[in-house]
Amino acid sequence: MSRFPFRVSFLSILSLDMNASTDNPDVWCFWRANCLPAGFVVGKFIKQKQYFLRNCPQRNLWRNIISLRYSLCVRRWSLVRRFFCFLTVLVWLGTPAQASPQEPLQFAAARNVKVYTEDFAPFNYVTPKGLAGAGAEIVRAMAVLVGYQSGFEVLPWKRALQIVKTEPDTALFSIVRTPEREDEFKWVGPIFITRGWLYRMADNKIDVSDLSDARKVRSIGVQAGGAAERSLREMGFENLESLYTPGNALRMLSEGRIDLWEASDIAMNFQREMLGLEKGSVVPTVELGQYDMYLAFSKSTPDATLEPWRRALEIVQGSGMADVIARQYGLGDQSVNLTARTAQ
């Protein structure tokens, strides 16, 4: 399918609304191939088109964007190209709308939040080049739009969880949103979605098909302070072994130190590949359900402080950027699951 020259196609896109442009295959081809975020911005954010630019000094914004480009690596250049194109659309869309008096204050407060995470691949983990992982890169992209420059502090999970529960203006990712945690935090997300299981080694012939069977095994490895540990303990499980280094959980399972391991499908696959185990060597036994992963803020954080982060997530997801990052880390297509799910 042919493409228009840049000037003609760009002006054609801006002269049409998002729905009308789908009737013109040439415009739609250009839109999807080179300016995917533009449709999202024009269609959804036309009334707040300068929301981020007017609240983030341009020299700081562009410096952050350049940093983001390098952090995403050369092999993801197409993602960065689309993100730059999206920002070009924001600048090109015309005269900035008038900012409400509250918006600069919102951004100032949003940039002063202290953000924590843990070292748990492939969601967020430390590498020689810095923090990587699906959650880390999605939240980093949000931070670029907010103008947040303080970086993310990596702590053991239980310690980070306790800080965000007790200290104001703090946040934590990637955390599962559960009914037990609902009133303990304020939520932005989901940033991505995965599924949780109880796993066993294929050569371990224990008979486990439901949670009642799982109660009878010697031990179940669960992340210390994690959502599953809390839920299973409240269900009366007494055979849980808290794992303070969940990145070594599959090794413990393979060595017979635990009988079952609670984990998301993506975490299991990542650790299996790291250990060089065959694909069928780890077997799911009991499905625990969908894990919606969020950026959680302390309960005392004002709602206005969360608003720039929420809008940033909408743009990162709506532009397709979050989906590309998720695919890079084996999470598959998140676009259907995440549609219209940004929560209060």
Foldseek 3Di string as FASTA:
>chain_A
DDEDPPVVLVVVPLVDALVVQVVPVRSVVCCVQQALLLNVCRHPPLVQLCLQVVLAPVVLLVVLLVVLCVVVPPVCVSLSRNVVNNVVSSVPVDDGDDDDPCSNVLLVLLQPAAEEEEAAPQQWHADPVGIHHLVVSLLSLLCSSSSHDPDYHYDQPVVLVVCQQPPARYKYDFAFDDPVCPLSWDWWDLLFKFWKFKKAFPPDPQDFAEVVSVLPFQAEEDAVVHPVVVVVVVVPRDRYDHDRPCLCVVVCRVVVVHGIYMDTPLSVVVSCVVVVHDPRRMDTRYTPTMTRTTITGGNPYDPSNCVSSNVSSCSCLSSCNSQVSCVVSPNHGGNVVRPPPGDD
